[in-house]
Structure formats: C-alpha cells, structure tokens
Amino acid sequence: MLGDGQFGVCLIDANNSISGWTAPKSIGTIAKITKCKDVELDGMQLHIETVGRNKFKINKIIPPSLVQPSNYDPYTVEGHQSISELHEKLGTEEKMYIRAEVELIPEIDDNIPLDKWEKLVEMWKNKIVRQALPQIVESHALDQVLEKYYLTTDMPTIDYVYSLSALGAKDPNELQPILEANTMDDLIQKVQELLKVK
C-alpha cells in the first residue's frame, strides 16, 4: 500500500447512501499513504496515516458493483468472508468501492499574514488550555507541540493553517468546513470558528 499511489478521501455523509453503502461528502482531498500497519494479527483492520493534497469536488458518483448486504458486519471474520465470496461470484475485476468523477479545486495560493497566523496560534493555545481544565497546561508545553509539528514560523503558508486546524479539531468532521473554504478570508474565518473557545 505504500508508494506513490494516490487516492481520493471524503468524509462520510451519514444522511445519504449509495447501493446501501454510506455516501461520501461532495468535497474531499487527494491523499497519499505515508504509514501502514495491521491493527490486529488477523489483518482485517489497517491503521494508515495519510497526507492530503489537492482538494476536489465530486461531479458524478460511480456506484460500487456490489450492493451492501443487509446483514454485513465489517468487524467480523464472517462479514469479510461473505463480502469476499460475493465479490468472487460477481467477478474480482469489478470494483467493490464507491468511485467518482471529480474536478480539482484550485488551491488557495495566498500566504497568510503573520499577524493573522499569530492570532490563530493564540486561539489554538487558548482552546487547548481550556479543554485541559482542571489540568494546567504550561505555555512552553504548547510551544513544544508547535515545534514538533513544525508550526513555528515567521512565514506561514496555507499548509501551516491546515496543520494547526488539525491539531485543534476533536474529530475530522470539524475539518470539513475548512476543506471547503475557497478564499483565504473564508479559510481564516472557518479556522477561527473551529478554534473559538465554546
């Protein structure tokens, strides 16, 4: 799985389905696997780390060749076996996963002004300190986190904003509005909403 292969990643849209499978959100990112390992010895679950690049919009969904069985359980050996058997009957050249025709979305080219970057960093620190209560988080510990993720800079780029957002999100769904931002102003506003102490 490691290598130069790239693929599209979208969060799920829990309100919609395609052939019984959960549908994707309409905006996603092209990803590359950077790390891959088995979660358990049975090889049924993989833990992967990816790096996202280039946003895209889904123009057309291509349904999978296999309708999801009503009794499918992805967390059991039996569930995996039944899907494998159905796939073999259908023909292994058929695609079992949702595919799509996509259109690349132009990246935001602007660099973020240093003062706005510093404000976002301050908001992130405040959010982390607040979330940690009643535990006390020292400022230097937060600076070390920023250093660990290479986020200490005097020349912030768009990638810094995305990385800081990932550190401030409790789950990937909080990052979807940031992925959907099309201008620097829109992006900064959505990151501020994410990092706002609630």
N, C-alpha and C. Protein backbone atom coordinates (compact mmCIF):
# COMPACT_ATOMS: atom_id res chain seq x y z
N MET A 1 0.81 -1.20 0.00
CA MET A 1 0.00 0.00 0.00
C MET A 1 0.85 1.26 0.00
N LEU A 2 2.08 1.17 0.50
CA LEU A 2 2.94 2.34 0.50
C LEU A 2 3.48 2.55 -0.90
N GLY A 3 3.83 3.77 -1.20
CA GLY A 3 4.37 4.06 -2.53
C GLY A 3 3.80 5.35 -3.06
N ASP A 4 3.79 5.46 -4.37
CA ASP A 4 3.35 6.70 -4.99
C ASP A 4 1.85 6.73 -5.27
N GLY A 5 1.13 5.66 -4.94
CA GLY A 5 -0.30 5.62 -5.23
C GLY A 5 -1.06 6.69 -4.47
N GLN A 6 -1.93 7.38 -5.17
CA GLN A 6 -2.77 8.38 -4.55
C GLN A 6 -4.22 8.00 -4.77
N PHE A 7 -5.08 8.45 -3.87
CA PHE A 7 -6.50 8.13 -3.97
C PHE A 7 -7.29 9.25 -3.33
N GLY A 8 -8.58 9.30 -3.63
CA GLY A 8 -9.44 10.32 -3.07
C GLY A 8 -10.01 9.90 -1.73
N VAL A 9 -10.11 10.86 -0.82
CA VAL A 9 -10.67 10.62 0.50
C VAL A 9 -11.75 11.66 0.76
N CYS A 10 -12.91 11.18 1.17
CA CYS A 10 -14.01 12.06 1.58
C CYS A 10 -14.53 11.55 2.91
N LEU A 11 -14.99 12.45 3.73
CA LEU A 11 -15.70 12.03 4.93
C LEU A 11 -17.05 11.47 4.52
N ILE A 12 -17.65 10.68 5.39
CA ILE A 12 -18.94 10.09 5.05
C ILE A 12 -20.07 11.10 5.27
N ASP A 13 -21.09 10.95 4.46
CA ASP A 13 -22.32 11.73 4.59
C ASP A 13 -23.36 10.78 5.17
N ALA A 14 -23.50 10.81 6.47
CA ALA A 14 -24.35 9.83 7.17
C ALA A 14 -25.82 9.90 6.75
N ASN A 15 -26.22 10.98 6.08
CA ASN A 15 -27.61 11.13 5.67
C ASN A 15 -27.92 10.52 4.30
N ASN A 16 -26.91 10.06 3.59
CA ASN A 16 -27.11 9.52 2.25
C ASN A 16 -26.39 8.20 2.07
N SER A 17 -26.90 7.40 1.14
CA SER A 17 -26.24 6.13 0.84
C SER A 17 -26.25 5.87 -0.66
N ILE A 18 -25.34 4.99 -1.08
CA ILE A 18 -25.22 4.57 -2.47
C ILE A 18 -25.14 3.05 -2.46
N SER A 19 -26.13 2.42 -3.03
CA SER A 19 -26.20 0.95 -3.06
C SER A 19 -26.08 0.35 -1.66
N GLY A 20 -26.64 1.06 -0.67
CA GLY A 20 -26.61 0.57 0.71
C GLY A 20 -25.38 0.99 1.49
N TRP A 21 -24.34 1.48 0.82
CA TRP A 21 -23.11 1.92 1.48
C TRP A 21 -23.25 3.41 1.81
N THR A 22 -22.61 3.86 2.87
CA THR A 22 -22.66 5.26 3.24
C THR A 22 -22.01 6.11 2.14
N ALA A 23 -22.69 7.18 1.77
CA ALA A 23 -22.21 8.06 0.69
C ALA A 23 -21.10 8.98 1.19
N PRO A 24 -20.27 9.48 0.27
CA PRO A 24 -19.24 10.45 0.66
C PRO A 24 -19.78 11.88 0.62
N LYS A 25 -19.13 12.77 1.36
CA LYS A 25 -19.40 14.21 1.22
C LYS A 25 -18.91 14.62 -0.16
N SER A 26 -19.37 15.76 -0.64
CA SER A 26 -19.08 16.15 -2.03
C SER A 26 -17.70 16.78 -2.23
N ILE A 27 -17.05 17.20 -1.15
CA ILE A 27 -15.70 17.78 -1.24
C ILE A 27 -14.74 16.88 -0.49
N GLY A 28 -13.63 16.55 -1.13
CA GLY A 28 -12.63 15.68 -0.50
C GLY A 28 -11.24 16.13 -0.86
N THR A 29 -10.28 15.27 -0.56
CA THR A 29 -8.88 15.59 -0.85
C THR A 29 -8.19 14.36 -1.41
N ILE A 30 -7.21 14.59 -2.24
CA ILE A 30 -6.37 13.50 -2.74
C ILE A 30 -5.37 13.20 -1.64
N ALA A 31 -5.17 11.93 -1.34
CA ALA A 31 -4.29 11.53 -0.24
C ALA A 31 -3.26 10.53 -0.71
N LYS A 32 -2.18 10.49 0.05
CA LYS A 32 -1.11 9.52 -0.18
C LYS A 32 -0.82 8.85 1.16
N ILE A 33 -0.70 7.53 1.16
CA ILE A 33 -0.40 6.79 2.40
C ILE A 33 1.07 6.97 2.74
N THR A 34 1.33 7.39 3.99
CA THR A 34 2.71 7.57 4.45
C THR A 34 3.13 6.48 5.44
N LYS A 35 2.14 5.83 6.06
CA LYS A 35 2.45 4.78 7.03
C LYS A 35 1.27 3.81 7.06
N CYS A 36 1.57 2.52 7.14
CA CYS A 36 0.52 1.50 7.12
C CYS A 36 0.95 0.33 8.00
N LYS A 37 0.06 -0.09 8.93
CA LYS A 37 0.36 -1.27 9.74
C LYS A 37 -0.94 -1.94 10.16
N ASP A 38 -0.86 -3.25 10.42
CA ASP A 38 -2.02 -4.02 10.88
C ASP A 38 -2.37 -3.61 12.30
N VAL A 39 -3.66 -3.45 12.57
CA VAL A 39 -4.12 -3.16 13.92
C VAL A 39 -4.07 -4.43 14.75
N GLU A 40 -4.53 -5.54 14.16
CA GLU A 40 -4.54 -6.85 14.81
C GLU A 40 -3.77 -7.83 13.94
N LEU A 41 -3.48 -8.98 14.48
CA LEU A 41 -2.75 -10.00 13.73
C LEU A 41 -3.57 -10.62 12.60
N ASP A 42 -4.90 -10.50 12.66
CA ASP A 42 -5.75 -11.13 11.64
C ASP A 42 -5.72 -10.38 10.30
N GLY A 43 -5.16 -9.18 10.27
CA GLY A 43 -5.05 -8.43 9.02
C GLY A 43 -6.35 -7.83 8.53
N MET A 44 -7.40 -7.86 9.35
CA MET A 44 -8.70 -7.34 8.91
C MET A 44 -8.79 -5.82 9.01
N GLN A 45 -7.97 -5.22 9.84
CA GLN A 45 -8.01 -3.77 10.01
C GLN A 45 -6.61 -3.21 9.89
N LEU A 46 -6.50 -2.13 9.13
CA LEU A 46 -5.23 -1.46 8.97
C LEU A 46 -5.29 -0.08 9.60
N HIS A 47 -4.19 0.34 10.18
CA HIS A 47 -4.04 1.72 10.64
C HIS A 47 -3.18 2.40 9.59
N ILE A 48 -3.73 3.42 8.95
CA ILE A 48 -2.95 4.13 7.94
C ILE A 48 -2.82 5.59 8.31
N GLU A 49 -1.70 6.17 7.95
CA GLU A 49 -1.50 7.61 8.07
C GLU A 49 -1.37 8.14 6.66
N THR A 50 -2.04 9.24 6.41
CA THR A 50 -2.03 9.82 5.07
C THR A 50 -1.66 11.29 5.12
N VAL A 51 -1.25 11.79 3.98
CA VAL A 51 -1.04 13.22 3.79
C VAL A 51 -2.00 13.65 2.69
N GLY A 52 -2.78 14.68 2.97
CA GLY A 52 -3.74 15.18 1.99
C GLY A 52 -3.12 16.25 1.11
N ARG A 53 -3.51 16.22 -0.14
CA ARG A 53 -3.06 17.22 -1.12
C ARG A 53 -4.18 17.44 -2.11
N ASN A 54 -4.34 18.61 -2.60
CA ASN A 54 -5.29 18.94 -3.66
C ASN A 54 -6.73 18.56 -3.32
N LYS A 55 -7.55 19.58 -3.19
CA LYS A 55 -8.98 19.36 -2.94
C LYS A 55 -9.68 19.03 -4.25
N PHE A 56 -10.80 18.31 -4.13
CA PHE A 56 -11.61 18.03 -5.31
C PHE A 56 -13.09 18.07 -4.95
N LYS A 57 -13.89 18.23 -6.00
CA LYS A 57 -15.35 18.21 -5.87
C LYS A 57 -15.85 17.02 -6.68
N ILE A 58 -16.75 16.25 -6.12
CA ILE A 58 -17.34 15.11 -6.83
C ILE A 58 -18.37 15.64 -7.83
N ASN A 59 -18.18 15.30 -9.09
CA ASN A 59 -19.15 15.66 -10.13
C ASN A 59 -20.14 14.53 -10.39
N LYS A 60 -19.66 13.28 -10.30
CA LYS A 60 -20.52 12.13 -10.58
C LYS A 60 -20.05 10.94 -9.76
N ILE A 61 -20.98 10.31 -9.07
CA ILE A 61 -20.69 9.09 -8.29
C ILE A 61 -20.79 7.88 -9.21
N ILE A 62 -19.83 6.98 -9.09
CA ILE A 62 -19.88 5.69 -9.79
C ILE A 62 -20.12 4.64 -8.70
N PRO A 63 -21.33 4.07 -8.67
CA PRO A 63 -21.67 3.13 -7.59
C PRO A 63 -20.78 1.89 -7.60
N PRO A 64 -20.62 1.26 -6.44
CA PRO A 64 -19.87 0.00 -6.39
C PRO A 64 -20.64 -1.10 -7.11
N SER A 65 -19.94 -2.12 -7.52
CA SER A 65 -20.59 -3.22 -8.24
C SER A 65 -21.41 -4.11 -7.32
N LEU A 66 -21.22 -3.94 -6.03
CA LEU A 66 -21.86 -4.81 -5.05
C LEU A 66 -22.76 -3.99 -4.12
N VAL A 67 -24.03 -4.34 -4.05
CA VAL A 67 -24.94 -3.71 -3.09
C VAL A 67 -24.60 -4.25 -1.71
N GLN A 68 -24.59 -3.37 -0.71
CA GLN A 68 -24.26 -3.82 0.64
C GLN A 68 -25.31 -4.80 1.16
N PRO A 69 -24.88 -6.00 1.56
CA PRO A 69 -25.84 -6.97 2.13
C PRO A 69 -26.43 -6.42 3.43
N SER A 70 -27.68 -6.72 3.68
CA SER A 70 -28.35 -6.19 4.87
C SER A 70 -27.72 -6.70 6.17
N ASN A 71 -27.11 -7.88 6.13
CA ASN A 71 -26.52 -8.45 7.35
C ASN A 71 -24.99 -8.28 7.39
N TYR A 72 -24.45 -7.38 6.60
CA TYR A 72 -23.00 -7.20 6.54
C TYR A 72 -22.46 -6.61 7.83
N ASP A 73 -21.44 -7.25 8.39
CA ASP A 73 -20.77 -6.75 9.60
C ASP A 73 -19.28 -6.66 9.30
N PRO A 74 -18.78 -5.44 9.08
CA PRO A 74 -17.37 -5.29 8.70
C PRO A 74 -16.38 -5.62 9.81
N TYR A 75 -16.88 -5.83 11.03
CA TYR A 75 -15.99 -6.06 12.16
C TYR A 75 -15.82 -7.53 12.52
N THR A 76 -16.34 -8.42 11.67
CA THR A 76 -16.20 -9.84 11.95
C THR A 76 -15.52 -10.55 10.78
N VAL A 77 -14.93 -11.68 11.08
CA VAL A 77 -14.32 -12.52 10.04
C VAL A 77 -15.40 -12.99 9.07
N GLU A 78 -16.57 -13.33 9.62
CA GLU A 78 -17.67 -13.79 8.77
C GLU A 78 -18.10 -12.71 7.79
N GLY A 79 -18.15 -11.47 8.27
CA GLY A 79 -18.52 -10.35 7.40
C GLY A 79 -17.55 -10.20 6.24
N HIS A 80 -16.27 -10.32 6.54
CA HIS A 80 -15.24 -10.22 5.49
C HIS A 80 -15.35 -11.39 4.51
N GLN A 81 -15.59 -12.58 5.06
CA GLN A 81 -15.71 -13.76 4.20
C GLN A 81 -16.91 -13.66 3.27
N SER A 82 -18.04 -13.21 3.80
CA SER A 82 -19.24 -13.13 2.96
C SER A 82 -19.06 -12.11 1.84
N ILE A 83 -18.42 -11.00 2.12
CA ILE A 83 -18.17 -9.99 1.07
C ILE A 83 -17.20 -10.55 0.05
N SER A 84 -16.16 -11.24 0.50
CA SER A 84 -15.19 -11.83 -0.44
C SER A 84 -15.86 -12.84 -1.36
N GLU A 85 -16.74 -13.66 -0.79
CA GLU A 85 -17.46 -14.66 -1.60
C GLU A 85 -18.36 -13.99 -2.63
N LEU A 86 -19.09 -12.95 -2.22
CA LEU A 86 -19.95 -12.22 -3.15
C LEU A 86 -19.13 -11.57 -4.26
N HIS A 87 -17.98 -11.04 -3.89
CA HIS A 87 -17.10 -10.39 -4.87
C HIS A 87 -16.57 -11.40 -5.88
N GLU A 88 -16.21 -12.57 -5.41
CA GLU A 88 -15.72 -13.62 -6.32
C GLU A 88 -16.82 -14.06 -7.29
N LYS A 89 -18.04 -14.19 -6.79
CA LYS A 89 -19.16 -14.58 -7.66
C LYS A 89 -19.41 -13.51 -8.73
N LEU A 90 -19.29 -12.26 -8.31
CA LEU A 90 -19.54 -11.14 -9.22
C LEU A 90 -18.42 -11.00 -10.25
N GLY A 91 -17.22 -11.36 -9.83
CA GLY A 91 -16.03 -11.21 -10.67
C GLY A 91 -15.07 -10.23 -10.01
N THR A 92 -13.88 -10.69 -9.72
CA THR A 92 -12.94 -9.88 -8.95
C THR A 92 -12.43 -8.66 -9.71
N GLU A 93 -12.69 -8.58 -11.02
CA GLU A 93 -12.29 -7.38 -11.76
C GLU A 93 -13.26 -6.21 -11.49
N GLU A 94 -14.42 -6.52 -10.92
CA GLU A 94 -15.40 -5.48 -10.59
C GLU A 94 -14.94 -4.72 -9.35
N LYS A 95 -15.26 -3.43 -9.29
CA LYS A 95 -14.86 -2.58 -8.16
C LYS A 95 -15.92 -2.63 -7.07
N MET A 96 -15.48 -2.95 -5.86
CA MET A 96 -16.40 -3.06 -4.73
C MET A 96 -16.55 -1.74 -3.98
N TYR A 97 -15.85 -0.73 -4.39
CA TYR A 97 -15.88 0.52 -3.65
C TYR A 97 -16.50 1.63 -4.49
N ILE A 98 -16.95 2.66 -3.81
CA ILE A 98 -17.54 3.82 -4.49
C ILE A 98 -16.42 4.58 -5.19
N ARG A 99 -16.66 4.91 -6.44
CA ARG A 99 -15.71 5.73 -7.21
C ARG A 99 -16.43 6.99 -7.65
N ALA A 100 -15.68 7.91 -8.22
CA ALA A 100 -16.30 9.17 -8.65
C ALA A 100 -15.50 9.84 -9.74
N GLU A 101 -16.21 10.61 -10.54
CA GLU A 101 -15.56 11.55 -11.45
C GLU A 101 -15.45 12.84 -10.67
N VAL A 102 -14.25 13.39 -10.62
CA VAL A 102 -14.02 14.57 -9.79
C VAL A 102 -13.40 15.70 -10.59
N GLU A 103 -13.50 16.87 -10.00
CA GLU A 103 -12.90 18.08 -10.57
C GLU A 103 -12.00 18.67 -9.49
N LEU A 104 -10.73 18.91 -9.84
CA LEU A 104 -9.83 19.51 -8.86
C LEU A 104 -10.25 20.94 -8.57
N ILE A 105 -10.16 21.31 -7.32
CA ILE A 105 -10.49 22.67 -6.88
C ILE A 105 -9.17 23.42 -6.73
N PRO A 106 -9.05 24.61 -7.31
CA PRO A 106 -7.79 25.36 -7.17
C PRO A 106 -7.46 25.61 -5.70
N GLU A 107 -6.19 25.46 -5.39
CA GLU A 107 -5.73 25.70 -4.03
C GLU A 107 -5.74 27.20 -3.73
N ILE A 108 -5.82 27.54 -2.47
CA ILE A 108 -5.71 28.94 -2.05
C ILE A 108 -4.22 29.27 -2.09
N ASP A 109 -3.85 30.17 -2.97
CA ASP A 109 -2.42 30.47 -3.18
C ASP A 109 -1.85 31.49 -2.21
N ASP A 110 -2.71 32.30 -1.62
CA ASP A 110 -2.22 33.38 -0.77
C ASP A 110 -1.48 32.83 0.44
N ASN A 111 -0.46 33.57 0.86
CA ASN A 111 0.16 33.27 2.15
C ASN A 111 -0.64 34.00 3.21
N ILE A 112 -0.66 33.45 4.39
CA ILE A 112 -1.40 34.08 5.47
C ILE A 112 -0.52 35.15 6.11
N PRO A 113 -1.06 36.34 6.35
CA PRO A 113 -0.27 37.39 7.01
C PRO A 113 0.16 36.92 8.41
N LEU A 114 1.37 37.30 8.80
CA LEU A 114 1.94 36.84 10.06
C LEU A 114 1.06 37.20 11.25
N ASP A 115 0.48 38.40 11.28
CA ASP A 115 -0.35 38.80 12.42
C ASP A 115 -1.59 37.91 12.54
N LYS A 116 -2.17 37.52 11.41
CA LYS A 116 -3.34 36.64 11.45
C LYS A 116 -2.94 35.23 11.89
N TRP A 117 -1.76 34.77 11.45
CA TRP A 117 -1.25 33.46 11.86
C TRP A 117 -1.04 33.44 13.38
N GLU A 118 -0.40 34.49 13.90
CA GLU A 118 -0.13 34.55 15.34
C GLU A 118 -1.43 34.56 16.14
N LYS A 119 -2.47 35.22 15.60
CA LYS A 119 -3.77 35.23 16.28
C LYS A 119 -4.36 33.82 16.30
N LEU A 120 -4.25 33.10 15.19
CA LEU A 120 -4.76 31.72 15.14
C LEU A 120 -4.02 30.82 16.13
N VAL A 121 -2.70 30.98 16.21
CA VAL A 121 -1.90 30.19 17.16
C VAL A 121 -2.35 30.50 18.59
N GLU A 122 -2.59 31.77 18.88
CA GLU A 122 -3.04 32.16 20.22
C GLU A 122 -4.41 31.55 20.52
N MET A 123 -5.29 31.55 19.54
CA MET A 123 -6.62 30.94 19.72
C MET A 123 -6.49 29.44 19.98
N TRP A 124 -5.59 28.78 19.23
CA TRP A 124 -5.37 27.34 19.43
C TRP A 124 -4.88 27.07 20.85
N LYS A 125 -3.91 27.87 21.31
CA LYS A 125 -3.38 27.69 22.67
C LYS A 125 -4.49 27.85 23.71
N ASN A 126 -5.31 28.89 23.55
CA ASN A 126 -6.41 29.13 24.50
C ASN A 126 -7.38 27.95 24.52
N LYS A 127 -7.68 27.42 23.35
CA LYS A 127 -8.61 26.29 23.27
C LYS A 127 -8.04 25.06 23.97
N ILE A 128 -6.77 24.78 23.74
CA ILE A 128 -6.14 23.60 24.37
C ILE A 128 -6.10 23.77 25.89
N VAL A 129 -5.73 24.96 26.34
CA VAL A 129 -5.67 25.23 27.79
C VAL A 129 -7.06 25.04 28.40
N ARG A 130 -8.09 25.55 27.75
CA ARG A 130 -9.46 25.45 28.26
C ARG A 130 -9.93 24.00 28.28
N GLN A 131 -9.62 23.25 27.21
CA GLN A 131 -10.05 21.85 27.14
C GLN A 131 -9.37 20.98 28.20
N ALA A 132 -8.18 21.37 28.59
CA ALA A 132 -7.40 20.56 29.54
C ALA A 132 -7.85 20.75 30.99
N LEU A 133 -8.60 21.83 31.27
CA LEU A 133 -9.01 22.10 32.64
C LEU A 133 -9.71 20.89 33.25
N PRO A 134 -9.48 20.56 34.51
CA PRO A 134 -8.78 21.31 35.53
C PRO A 134 -7.25 21.15 35.50
N GLN A 135 -6.75 20.37 34.56
CA GLN A 135 -5.30 20.23 34.45
C GLN A 135 -4.71 21.54 33.91
N ILE A 136 -3.51 21.86 34.36
CA ILE A 136 -2.83 23.07 33.90
C ILE A 136 -1.87 22.71 32.78
N VAL A 137 -1.98 23.42 31.67
CA VAL A 137 -1.06 23.23 30.55
C VAL A 137 -0.17 24.46 30.46
N GLU A 138 1.12 24.25 30.58
CA GLU A 138 2.07 25.35 30.52
C GLU A 138 2.27 25.82 29.08
N SER A 139 2.52 27.10 28.92
CA SER A 139 2.71 27.69 27.59
C SER A 139 3.87 27.04 26.84
N HIS A 140 4.95 26.74 27.57
CA HIS A 140 6.11 26.14 26.89
C HIS A 140 5.79 24.74 26.35
N ALA A 141 4.86 24.04 27.01
CA ALA A 141 4.46 22.71 26.51
C ALA A 141 3.73 22.85 25.18
N LEU A 142 2.91 23.88 25.05
CA LEU A 142 2.21 24.12 23.79
C LEU A 142 3.20 24.55 22.70
N ASP A 143 4.20 25.33 23.08
CA ASP A 143 5.24 25.71 22.11
C ASP A 143 5.98 24.48 21.61
N GLN A 144 6.20 23.51 22.50
CA GLN A 144 6.87 22.27 22.08
C GLN A 144 6.01 21.48 21.09
N VAL A 145 4.70 21.48 21.29
CA VAL A 145 3.81 20.81 20.34
C VAL A 145 3.92 21.49 18.97
N LEU A 146 3.92 22.81 18.97
CA LEU A 146 4.05 23.54 17.70
C LEU A 146 5.38 23.21 17.03
N GLU A 147 6.45 23.13 17.81
CA GLU A 147 7.76 22.78 17.25
C GLU A 147 7.75 21.35 16.70
N LYS A 148 7.14 20.44 17.43
CA LYS A 148 7.09 19.04 17.00
C LYS A 148 6.43 18.91 15.63
N TYR A 149 5.41 19.71 15.38
CA TYR A 149 4.69 19.67 14.11
C TYR A 149 5.18 20.74 13.13
N TYR A 150 6.34 21.29 13.40
CA TYR A 150 6.98 22.28 12.51
C TYR A 150 6.08 23.47 12.23
N LEU A 151 5.42 23.97 13.27
CA LEU A 151 4.49 25.07 13.10
C LEU A 151 4.99 26.38 13.71
N THR A 152 6.27 26.45 14.00
CA THR A 152 6.85 27.72 14.45
C THR A 152 7.50 28.36 13.23
N THR A 153 6.98 29.52 12.84
CA THR A 153 7.46 30.15 11.61
C THR A 153 7.17 31.65 11.60
N ASP A 154 7.95 32.37 10.81
CA ASP A 154 7.68 33.78 10.56
C ASP A 154 7.08 33.97 9.17
N MET A 155 7.00 32.87 8.40
CA MET A 155 6.45 32.93 7.05
C MET A 155 5.42 31.81 6.86
N PRO A 156 4.26 31.94 7.51
CA PRO A 156 3.27 30.87 7.45
C PRO A 156 2.65 30.73 6.06
N THR A 157 2.40 29.49 5.68
CA THR A 157 1.73 29.19 4.41
C THR A 157 0.38 28.56 4.71
N ILE A 158 -0.34 28.27 3.69
CA ILE A 158 -1.65 27.63 3.82
C ILE A 158 -1.54 26.28 4.53
N ASP A 159 -0.44 25.55 4.28
CA ASP A 159 -0.25 24.25 4.92
C ASP A 159 -0.15 24.37 6.44
N TYR A 160 0.43 25.46 6.91
CA TYR A 160 0.50 25.70 8.35
C TYR A 160 -0.90 25.84 8.94
N VAL A 161 -1.76 26.55 8.21
CA VAL A 161 -3.13 26.76 8.68
C VAL A 161 -3.87 25.43 8.76
N TYR A 162 -3.72 24.59 7.73
CA TYR A 162 -4.38 23.28 7.75
C TYR A 162 -3.85 22.42 8.90
N SER A 163 -2.55 22.43 9.13
CA SER A 163 -1.96 21.62 10.20
C SER A 163 -2.42 22.09 11.57
N LEU A 164 -2.45 23.40 11.78
CA LEU A 164 -2.91 23.93 13.06
C LEU A 164 -4.38 23.56 13.29
N SER A 165 -5.16 23.62 12.23
CA SER A 165 -6.58 23.25 12.33
C SER A 165 -6.72 21.80 12.77
N ALA A 166 -5.91 20.92 12.18
CA ALA A 166 -5.96 19.50 12.55
C ALA A 166 -5.63 19.31 14.02
N LEU A 167 -4.69 20.10 14.54
CA LEU A 167 -4.35 20.00 15.97
C LEU A 167 -5.49 20.50 16.86
N GLY A 168 -6.32 21.39 16.33
CA GLY A 168 -7.39 21.97 17.12
C GLY A 168 -8.73 21.28 16.99
N ALA A 169 -8.82 20.29 16.11
CA ALA A 169 -10.10 19.62 15.88
C ALA A 169 -10.22 18.38 16.75
N LYS A 170 -11.43 18.12 17.25
CA LYS A 170 -11.63 16.91 18.06
C LYS A 170 -11.95 15.71 17.18
N ASP A 171 -12.45 15.96 15.95
CA ASP A 171 -12.68 14.86 15.01
C ASP A 171 -12.64 15.42 13.58
N PRO A 172 -12.49 14.55 12.59
CA PRO A 172 -12.36 15.01 11.20
C PRO A 172 -13.54 15.83 10.69
N ASN A 173 -14.74 15.59 11.22
CA ASN A 173 -15.90 16.35 10.75
C ASN A 173 -15.76 17.84 11.02
N GLU A 174 -15.03 18.20 12.06
CA GLU A 174 -14.81 19.62 12.34
C GLU A 174 -13.92 20.28 11.28
N LEU A 175 -13.19 19.46 10.52
CA LEU A 175 -12.29 20.00 9.49
C LEU A 175 -12.96 20.16 8.13
N GLN A 176 -14.15 19.58 7.95
CA GLN A 176 -14.82 19.66 6.64
C GLN A 176 -15.07 21.10 6.19
N PRO A 177 -15.57 22.01 7.04
CA PRO A 177 -15.77 23.39 6.58
C PRO A 177 -14.46 24.06 6.15
N ILE A 178 -13.36 23.68 6.78
CA ILE A 178 -12.05 24.25 6.42
C ILE A 178 -11.63 23.74 5.05
N LEU A 179 -11.87 22.47 4.80
CA LEU A 179 -11.57 21.90 3.49
C LEU A 179 -12.39 22.58 2.39
N GLU A 180 -13.60 22.99 2.73
CA GLU A 180 -14.50 23.59 1.74
C GLU A 180 -14.25 25.08 1.51
N ALA A 181 -13.38 25.71 2.30
CA ALA A 181 -13.09 27.14 2.12
C ALA A 181 -12.39 27.38 0.79
N ASN A 182 -12.79 28.46 0.10
CA ASN A 182 -12.23 28.75 -1.23
C ASN A 182 -11.35 29.99 -1.28
N THR A 183 -11.41 30.83 -0.24
CA THR A 183 -10.57 32.03 -0.20
C THR A 183 -9.85 32.08 1.14
N MET A 184 -8.78 32.87 1.19
CA MET A 184 -8.03 33.00 2.44
C MET A 184 -8.91 33.58 3.55
N ASP A 185 -9.72 34.59 3.23
CA ASP A 185 -10.59 35.19 4.25
C ASP A 185 -11.59 34.17 4.78
N ASP A 186 -12.18 33.39 3.87
CA ASP A 186 -13.14 32.35 4.26
C ASP A 186 -12.44 31.30 5.13
N LEU A 187 -11.24 30.91 4.73
CA LEU A 187 -10.47 29.92 5.49
C LEU A 187 -10.18 30.42 6.90
N ILE A 188 -9.68 31.63 7.01
CA ILE A 188 -9.34 32.18 8.33
C ILE A 188 -10.59 32.24 9.21
N GLN A 189 -11.70 32.67 8.64
CA GLN A 189 -12.95 32.74 9.41
C GLN A 189 -13.35 31.36 9.92
N LYS A 190 -13.24 30.34 9.07
CA LYS A 190 -13.65 28.99 9.48
C LYS A 190 -12.68 28.39 10.50
N VAL A 191 -11.40 28.72 10.39
CA VAL A 191 -10.43 28.25 11.39
C VAL A 191 -10.70 28.95 12.72
N GLN A 192 -11.02 30.24 12.68
CA GLN A 192 -11.35 30.95 13.91
C GLN A 192 -12.58 30.33 14.59
N GLU A 193 -13.57 29.95 13.80
CA GLU A 193 -14.76 29.29 14.37
C GLU A 193 -14.37 27.97 15.03
N LEU A 194 -13.48 27.23 14.38
CA LEU A 194 -13.03 25.95 14.93
C LEU A 194 -12.28 26.15 16.25
N LEU A 195 -11.45 27.17 16.30
CA LEU A 195 -10.58 27.37 17.46
C LEU A 195 -11.21 28.21 18.56
N LYS A 196 -12.41 28.71 18.31
CA LYS A 196 -13.10 29.53 19.31
C LYS A 196 -13.40 28.68 20.54
N VAL A 197 -13.13 29.23 21.70
CA VAL A 197 -13.43 28.54 22.96
C VAL A 197 -14.93 28.61 23.18
N LYS A 198 -15.55 27.44 23.34
CA LYS A 198 -17.02 27.40 23.48
C LYS A 198 -17.41 26.98 24.86
